[in-house]
Amino acid sequence: MTQTIQAKVIDLRHLIDTFSIELVLDGSFFGEWQQDLPEINDLDKKLLDKVKTGYLNILNYPTLLEDVVRMAVVDPLLFIGDFYLAPFYIKSEESIEIAVPDEDVIIKGRIDTLVLKEQFWVMIIESKRASFSVEQGLAQIISYLLGSPHNDRPSFGMIATGSEFIFVKLVKGNRPRYALSKGFLMRNPGNELYDVLRILKRLTQLVSA
């Protein structure tokens, strides 16, 4: 009988043993989050400053649940980045299934926010509680990226806890490889949402080429 495993309970050890995923530490493997980033305009910066101020304000009223993180941070970020406009569109709570090779096991899950361009998975955004570490969403988002139907091109993802953002790149193959960007923190001086938006725009440029 086929066994079903929910993606939210998958851990990295399971993905390593099942899919032979490999973490790549060579910076050249995932250079896209640092190279040729587009500039953002003054209006974008002003709006992102408001997002940061609003987020810091709601921290005074814990506990921040996933829906609040999405409304206060992720949704405005997608709006400012024009990800609600053509050629992109949003599917919230998208179902996904991943068959485990040579086993009667299916990994199931639901993607929080999926931004698509011409059926290509541009960005999966998994928002978590502000008190969560990005590590708690990493195995889940890698599971979703493994489910991409596009085997010949990289897939990209972003985990947003509200307080931190991190980007993920996965390249399929006999041994899927993945790499991470640095973490971008809301608490850091300045506003690292500027960099988050620039990276989002850069990754969508790459898949639109």
C-alpha atoms as a PDB file:
ATOM      1  CA  MET A   1       0.000   0.000   0.000  1.00  0.00           C
ATOM      2  CA  THR A   2       1.254   3.447  -0.902  1.00  0.00           C
ATOM      3  CA  GLN A   3       2.401   5.503   2.081  1.00  0.00           C
ATOM      4  CA  THR A   4       1.659   9.233   2.168  1.00  0.00           C
ATOM      5  CA  ILE A   5       3.932  11.630   4.048  1.00  0.00           C
ATOM      6  CA  GLN A   6       3.050  15.283   4.610  1.00  0.00           C
ATOM      7  CA  ALA A   7       5.785  17.649   3.413  1.00  0.00           C
ATOM      8  CA  LYS A   8       5.545  19.728   6.577  1.00  0.00           C
ATOM      9  CA  VAL A   9       6.890  16.838   8.671  1.00  0.00           C
ATOM     10  CA  ILE A  10       9.743  15.969   6.292  1.00  0.00           C
ATOM     11  CA  ASP A  11      13.258  16.664   7.556  1.00  0.00           C
ATOM     12  CA  LEU A  12      16.547  17.057   5.696  1.00  0.00           C
ATOM     13  CA  ARG A  13      17.755  13.620   6.759  1.00  0.00           C
ATOM     14  CA  HIS A  14      14.751  12.037   5.047  1.00  0.00           C
ATOM     15  CA  LEU A  15      15.405  13.991   1.840  1.00  0.00           C
ATOM     16  CA  ILE A  16      19.092  13.040   1.877  1.00  0.00           C
ATOM     17  CA  ASP A  17      18.312   9.349   2.357  1.00  0.00           C
ATOM     18  CA  THR A  18      15.440   9.305  -0.140  1.00  0.00           C
ATOM     19  CA  PHE A  19      16.479  11.674  -2.929  1.00  0.00           C
ATOM     20  CA  SER A  20      20.254  11.945  -2.288  1.00  0.00           C
ATOM     21  CA  ILE A  21      20.021  15.723  -2.125  1.00  0.00           C
ATOM     22  CA  GLU A  22      23.342  17.471  -1.640  1.00  0.00           C
ATOM     23  CA  LEU A  23      24.131  20.892  -0.167  1.00  0.00           C
ATOM     24  CA  VAL A  24      26.568  22.858  -2.347  1.00  0.00           C
ATOM     25  CA  LEU A  25      28.799  25.319  -0.503  1.00  0.00           C
ATOM     26  CA  ASP A  26      30.632  26.617  -3.570  1.00  0.00           C
ATOM     27  CA  GLY A  27      29.402  30.194  -3.997  1.00  0.00           C
ATOM     28  CA  SER A  28      29.535  29.960  -7.791  1.00  0.00           C
ATOM     29  CA  PHE A  29      26.700  27.395  -7.802  1.00  0.00           C
ATOM     30  CA  PHE A  30      24.180  29.980  -6.581  1.00  0.00           C
ATOM     31  CA  GLY A  31      25.636  33.266  -7.744  1.00  0.00           C
ATOM     32  CA  GLU A  32      22.273  34.562  -8.951  1.00  0.00           C
ATOM     33  CA  TRP A  33      21.398  36.103  -5.583  1.00  0.00           C
ATOM     34  CA  GLN A  34      24.484  38.344  -5.728  1.00  0.00           C
ATOM     35  CA  GLN A  35      25.187  39.039  -9.392  1.00  0.00           C
ATOM     36  CA  ASP A  36      23.666  41.688 -11.662  1.00  0.00           C
ATOM     37  CA  LEU A  37      20.945  42.701  -9.214  1.00  0.00           C
ATOM     38  CA  PRO A  38      18.623  45.399 -10.566  1.00  0.00           C
ATOM     39  CA  GLU A  39      18.267  48.692  -8.764  1.00  0.00           C
ATOM     40  CA  ILE A  40      14.983  49.644  -7.109  1.00  0.00           C
ATOM     41  CA  ASN A  41      13.521  53.136  -7.180  1.00  0.00           C
ATOM     42  CA  ASP A  42      12.885  55.610  -4.373  1.00  0.00           C
ATOM     43  CA  LEU A  43       9.169  54.772  -4.226  1.00  0.00           C
ATOM     44  CA  ASP A  44       9.931  51.079  -3.747  1.00  0.00           C
ATOM     45  CA  LYS A  45      12.347  51.953  -0.933  1.00  0.00           C
ATOM     46  CA  LYS A  46       9.784  54.204   0.745  1.00  0.00           C
ATOM     47  CA  LEU A  47       7.152  51.450   0.632  1.00  0.00           C
ATOM     48  CA  LEU A  48       9.601  48.841   1.918  1.00  0.00           C
ATOM     49  CA  ASP A  49      10.487  51.171   4.781  1.00  0.00           C
ATOM     50  CA  LYS A  50       6.799  51.217   5.701  1.00  0.00           C
ATOM     51  CA  VAL A  51       6.679  47.412   5.575  1.00  0.00           C
ATOM     52  CA  LYS A  52       9.613  47.193   7.963  1.00  0.00           C
ATOM     53  CA  THR A  53       8.146  49.796  10.319  1.00  0.00           C
ATOM     54  CA  GLY A  54       4.810  47.989  10.340  1.00  0.00           C
ATOM     55  CA  TYR A  55       6.451  44.654  11.027  1.00  0.00           C
ATOM     56  CA  LEU A  56       8.457  46.028  13.949  1.00  0.00           C
ATOM     57  CA  ASN A  57       5.248  47.492  15.323  1.00  0.00           C
ATOM     58  CA  ILE A  58       3.293  44.216  15.255  1.00  0.00           C
ATOM     59  CA  LEU A  59       6.160  42.504  17.079  1.00  0.00           C
ATOM     60  CA  ASN A  60       4.833  44.346  20.119  1.00  0.00           C
ATOM     61  CA  TYR A  61       1.671  42.223  19.914  1.00  0.00           C
ATOM     62  CA  PRO A  62       2.754  38.541  19.926  1.00  0.00           C
ATOM     63  CA  THR A  63       2.243  35.796  18.964  1.00  0.00           C
ATOM     64  CA  LEU A  64       2.733  36.315  15.226  1.00  0.00           C
ATOM     65  CA  LEU A  65       1.057  33.530  13.292  1.00  0.00           C
ATOM     66  CA  GLU A  66       1.738  32.578   9.690  1.00  0.00           C
ATOM     67  CA  ASP A  67      -1.211  34.538   8.279  1.00  0.00           C
ATOM     68  CA  VAL A  68      -0.070  37.717  10.034  1.00  0.00           C
ATOM     69  CA  VAL A  69       3.465  37.316   8.695  1.00  0.00           C
ATOM     70  CA  ARG A  70       2.076  36.929   5.205  1.00  0.00           C
ATOM     71  CA  MET A  71      -0.260  39.934   5.432  1.00  0.00           C
ATOM     72  CA  ALA A  72       2.294  42.247   7.031  1.00  0.00           C
ATOM     73  CA  VAL A  73       5.422  41.336   5.087  1.00  0.00           C
ATOM     74  CA  VAL A  74       5.148  38.804   2.244  1.00  0.00           C
ATOM     75  CA  ASP A  75       2.025  40.143   0.518  1.00  0.00           C
ATOM     76  CA  PRO A  76       3.248  43.769   0.476  1.00  0.00           C
ATOM     77  CA  LEU A  77       6.626  42.616  -0.829  1.00  0.00           C
ATOM     78  CA  LEU A  78       4.971  40.793  -3.734  1.00  0.00           C
ATOM     79  CA  PHE A  79       2.785  43.845  -4.432  1.00  0.00           C
ATOM     80  CA  ILE A  80       5.716  46.251  -4.496  1.00  0.00           C
ATOM     81  CA  GLY A  81       7.623  43.868  -6.766  1.00  0.00           C
ATOM     82  CA  ASP A  82       4.696  43.746  -9.276  1.00  0.00           C
ATOM     83  CA  PHE A  83       4.252  39.994  -8.841  1.00  0.00           C
ATOM     84  CA  TYR A  84       0.471  40.395  -8.996  1.00  0.00           C
ATOM     85  CA  LEU A  85       0.740  41.765 -12.553  1.00  0.00           C
ATOM     86  CA  ALA A  86       1.045  39.853 -15.842  1.00  0.00           C
ATOM     87  CA  PRO A  87       2.924  37.762 -16.802  1.00  0.00           C
ATOM     88  CA  PHE A  88       2.967  36.529 -13.182  1.00  0.00           C
ATOM     89  CA  TYR A  89       0.097  35.214 -11.139  1.00  0.00           C
ATOM     90  CA  ILE A  90      -0.411  33.815  -7.668  1.00  0.00           C
ATOM     91  CA  LYS A  91      -1.759  30.473  -6.512  1.00  0.00           C
ATOM     92  CA  SER A  92      -2.194  30.234  -2.766  1.00  0.00           C
ATOM     93  CA  GLU A  93      -2.251  26.873  -0.984  1.00  0.00           C
ATOM     94  CA  GLU A  94      -1.304  24.954  -4.138  1.00  0.00           C
ATOM     95  CA  SER A  95      -1.273  21.161  -3.698  1.00  0.00           C
ATOM     96  CA  ILE A  96       1.781  19.159  -4.696  1.00  0.00           C
ATOM     97  CA  GLU A  97       2.743  15.471  -4.754  1.00  0.00           C
ATOM     98  CA  ILE A  98       6.251  14.010  -5.034  1.00  0.00           C
ATOM     99  CA  ALA A  99       6.736  10.302  -5.733  1.00  0.00           C
ATOM    100  CA  VAL A 100       9.693   8.706  -3.960  1.00  0.00           C
ATOM    101  CA  PRO A 101      11.893   6.740  -6.390  1.00  0.00           C
ATOM    102  CA  ASP A 102      11.483   2.955  -6.188  1.00  0.00           C
ATOM    103  CA  GLU A 103       9.170   3.154  -3.179  1.00  0.00           C
ATOM    104  CA  ASP A 104       5.420   3.229  -2.664  1.00  0.00           C
ATOM    105  CA  VAL A 105       5.681   6.582  -0.923  1.00  0.00           C
ATOM    106  CA  ILE A 106       4.187   9.931  -1.901  1.00  0.00           C
ATOM    107  CA  ILE A 107       5.120  13.207  -0.226  1.00  0.00           C
ATOM    108  CA  LYS A 108       2.184  15.620  -0.142  1.00  0.00           C
ATOM    109  CA  GLY A 109       2.031  19.246   0.813  1.00  0.00           C
ATOM    110  CA  ARG A 110       0.521  22.638   0.114  1.00  0.00           C
ATOM    111  CA  ILE A 111       2.571  25.585  -1.070  1.00  0.00           C
ATOM    112  CA  ASP A 112       1.830  28.841   0.724  1.00  0.00           C
ATOM    113  CA  THR A 113       2.382  31.164  -2.235  1.00  0.00           C
ATOM    114  CA  LEU A 114       3.494  30.217  -5.723  1.00  0.00           C
ATOM    115  CA  VAL A 115       4.508  32.820  -8.289  1.00  0.00           C
ATOM    116  CA  LEU A 116       4.477  31.463 -11.818  1.00  0.00           C
ATOM    117  CA  LYS A 117       5.609  32.672 -15.221  1.00  0.00           C
ATOM    118  CA  GLU A 118       4.337  30.710 -18.212  1.00  0.00           C
ATOM    119  CA  GLN A 119       3.989  27.541 -16.134  1.00  0.00           C
ATOM    120  CA  PHE A 120       7.546  27.848 -14.823  1.00  0.00           C
ATOM    121  CA  TRP A 121       7.959  27.841 -11.056  1.00  0.00           C
ATOM    122  CA  VAL A 122       9.561  31.194 -10.441  1.00  0.00           C
ATOM    123  CA  MET A 123       9.293  31.409  -6.687  1.00  0.00           C
ATOM    124  CA  ILE A 124       7.806  29.371  -3.887  1.00  0.00           C
ATOM    125  CA  ILE A 125       7.334  31.355  -0.727  1.00  0.00           C
ATOM    126  CA  GLU A 126       6.872  29.481   2.503  1.00  0.00           C
ATOM    127  CA  SER A 127       5.952  31.889   5.277  1.00  0.00           C
ATOM    128  CA  LYS A 128       6.484  30.823   8.858  1.00  0.00           C
ATOM    129  CA  ARG A 129       5.834  32.248  12.292  1.00  0.00           C
ATOM    130  CA  ALA A 130       8.195  35.045  13.240  1.00  0.00           C
ATOM    131  CA  SER A 131       9.499  32.934  16.102  1.00  0.00           C
ATOM    132  CA  PHE A 132      10.472  30.089  13.757  1.00  0.00           C
ATOM    133  CA  SER A 133      13.924  29.559  12.291  1.00  0.00           C
ATOM    134  CA  VAL A 134      14.262  29.289   8.523  1.00  0.00           C
ATOM    135  CA  GLU A 135      15.688  25.824   9.197  1.00  0.00           C
ATOM    136  CA  GLN A 136      12.185  24.696  10.105  1.00  0.00           C
ATOM    137  CA  GLY A 137      10.962  25.474   6.592  1.00  0.00           C
ATOM    138  CA  LEU A 138      14.017  24.360   4.614  1.00  0.00           C
ATOM    139  CA  ALA A 139      13.186  20.678   4.164  1.00  0.00           C
ATOM    140  CA  GLN A 140       9.606  21.566   3.302  1.00  0.00           C
ATOM    141  CA  ILE A 141      10.509  24.029   0.577  1.00  0.00           C
ATOM    142  CA  ILE A 142      13.132  21.681  -0.892  1.00  0.00           C
ATOM    143  CA  SER A 143      10.406  19.024  -1.046  1.00  0.00           C
ATOM    144  CA  TYR A 144       8.255  21.420  -3.063  1.00  0.00           C
ATOM    145  CA  LEU A 145      11.121  22.342  -5.385  1.00  0.00           C
ATOM    146  CA  LEU A 146      11.732  18.637  -6.027  1.00  0.00           C
ATOM    147  CA  GLY A 147       8.130  18.490  -7.231  1.00  0.00           C
ATOM    148  CA  SER A 148       8.704  21.015 -10.013  1.00  0.00           C
ATOM    149  CA  PRO A 149       7.825  19.499 -13.418  1.00  0.00           C
ATOM    150  CA  HIS A 150      10.738  21.354 -15.032  1.00  0.00           C
ATOM    151  CA  ASN A 151      13.744  19.061 -14.774  1.00  0.00           C
ATOM    152  CA  ASP A 152      16.018  20.952 -17.166  1.00  0.00           C
ATOM    153  CA  ARG A 153      16.127  24.297 -15.363  1.00  0.00           C
ATOM    154  CA  PRO A 154      16.908  25.398 -11.804  1.00  0.00           C
ATOM    155  CA  SER A 155      14.089  26.047  -9.366  1.00  0.00           C
ATOM    156  CA  PHE A 156      14.237  28.866  -6.847  1.00  0.00           C
ATOM    157  CA  GLY A 157      12.505  29.420  -3.547  1.00  0.00           C
ATOM    158  CA  MET A 158      12.359  31.825  -0.660  1.00  0.00           C
ATOM    159  CA  ILE A 159      11.527  31.168   2.969  1.00  0.00           C
ATOM    160  CA  ALA A 160      10.086  34.128   4.856  1.00  0.00           C
ATOM    161  CA  THR A 161       9.679  34.001   8.613  1.00  0.00           C
ATOM    162  CA  GLY A 162       8.822  37.684   8.754  1.00  0.00           C
ATOM    163  CA  SER A 163      12.007  38.427  10.654  1.00  0.00           C
ATOM    164  CA  GLU A 164      14.280  36.646   8.169  1.00  0.00           C
ATOM    165  CA  PHE A 165      14.419  35.770   4.479  1.00  0.00           C
ATOM    166  CA  ILE A 166      16.588  33.199   2.760  1.00  0.00           C
ATOM    167  CA  PHE A 167      16.724  32.108  -0.887  1.00  0.00           C
ATOM    168  CA  VAL A 168      17.116  28.526  -2.121  1.00  0.00           C
ATOM    169  CA  LYS A 169      18.262  27.172  -5.476  1.00  0.00           C
ATOM    170  CA  LEU A 170      17.770  23.543  -6.485  1.00  0.00           C
ATOM    171  CA  VAL A 171      19.088  21.805  -9.590  1.00  0.00           C
ATOM    172  CA  LYS A 172      17.649  18.391 -10.340  1.00  0.00           C
ATOM    173  CA  GLY A 173      19.496  15.366 -11.663  1.00  0.00           C
ATOM    174  CA  ASN A 174      20.435  11.917 -10.439  1.00  0.00           C
ATOM    175  CA  ARG A 175      21.648  13.671  -7.295  1.00  0.00           C
ATOM    176  CA  PRO A 176      19.691  16.908  -6.745  1.00  0.00           C
ATOM    177  CA  ARG A 177      21.875  19.762  -5.487  1.00  0.00           C
ATOM    178  CA  TYR A 178      20.804  22.819  -3.572  1.00  0.00           C
ATOM    179  CA  ALA A 179      22.382  25.960  -2.149  1.00  0.00           C
ATOM    180  CA  LEU A 180      21.315  28.843   0.061  1.00  0.00           C
ATOM    181  CA  SER A 181      21.808  32.577   0.085  1.00  0.00           C
ATOM    182  CA  LYS A 182      22.733  34.391   3.250  1.00  0.00           C
ATOM    183  CA  GLY A 183      19.896  35.286   5.579  1.00  0.00           C
ATOM    184  CA  PHE A 184      18.382  38.772   5.355  1.00  0.00           C
ATOM    185  CA  LEU A 185      17.228  40.068   8.738  1.00  0.00           C
ATOM    186  CA  MET A 186      14.571  42.662   9.468  1.00  0.00           C
ATOM    187  CA  ARG A 187      16.382  43.624  12.694  1.00  0.00           C
ATOM    188  CA  ASN A 188      19.607  44.552  10.934  1.00  0.00           C
ATOM    189  CA  PRO A 189      20.471  48.248  10.489  1.00  0.00           C
ATOM    190  CA  GLY A 190      19.098  49.788   7.338  1.00  0.00           C
ATOM    191  CA  ASN A 191      16.476  47.841   5.428  1.00  0.00           C
ATOM    192  CA  GLU A 192      17.492  44.484   3.989  1.00  0.00           C
ATOM    193  CA  LEU A 193      14.112  44.212   2.276  1.00  0.00           C
ATOM    194  CA  TYR A 194      15.761  46.308  -0.434  1.00  0.00           C
ATOM    195  CA  ASP A 195      18.100  43.395  -1.172  1.00  0.00           C
ATOM    196  CA  VAL A 196      15.290  40.851  -0.906  1.00  0.00           C
ATOM    197  CA  LEU A 197      13.268  42.704  -3.548  1.00  0.00           C
ATOM    198  CA  ARG A 198      16.292  43.094  -5.816  1.00  0.00           C
ATOM    199  CA  ILE A 199      16.984  39.355  -5.638  1.00  0.00           C
ATOM    200  CA  LEU A 200      13.347  38.535  -6.356  1.00  0.00           C
ATOM    201  CA  LYS A 201      13.450  40.773  -9.408  1.00  0.00           C
ATOM    202  CA  ARG A 202      16.733  39.230 -10.578  1.00  0.00           C
ATOM    203  CA  LEU A 203      15.487  35.661 -10.327  1.00  0.00           C
ATOM    204  CA  THR A 204      12.356  36.495 -12.291  1.00  0.00           C
ATOM    205  CA  GLN A 205      14.493  38.157 -14.965  1.00  0.00           C
ATOM    206  CA  LEU A 206      16.459  34.932 -15.321  1.00  0.00           C
ATOM    207  CA  VAL A 207      13.433  32.722 -15.819  1.00  0.00           C
ATOM    208  CA  SER A 208      11.822  35.245 -18.161  1.00  0.00           C
ATOM    209  CA  ALA A 209      14.829  35.339 -20.482  1.00  0.00           C
END
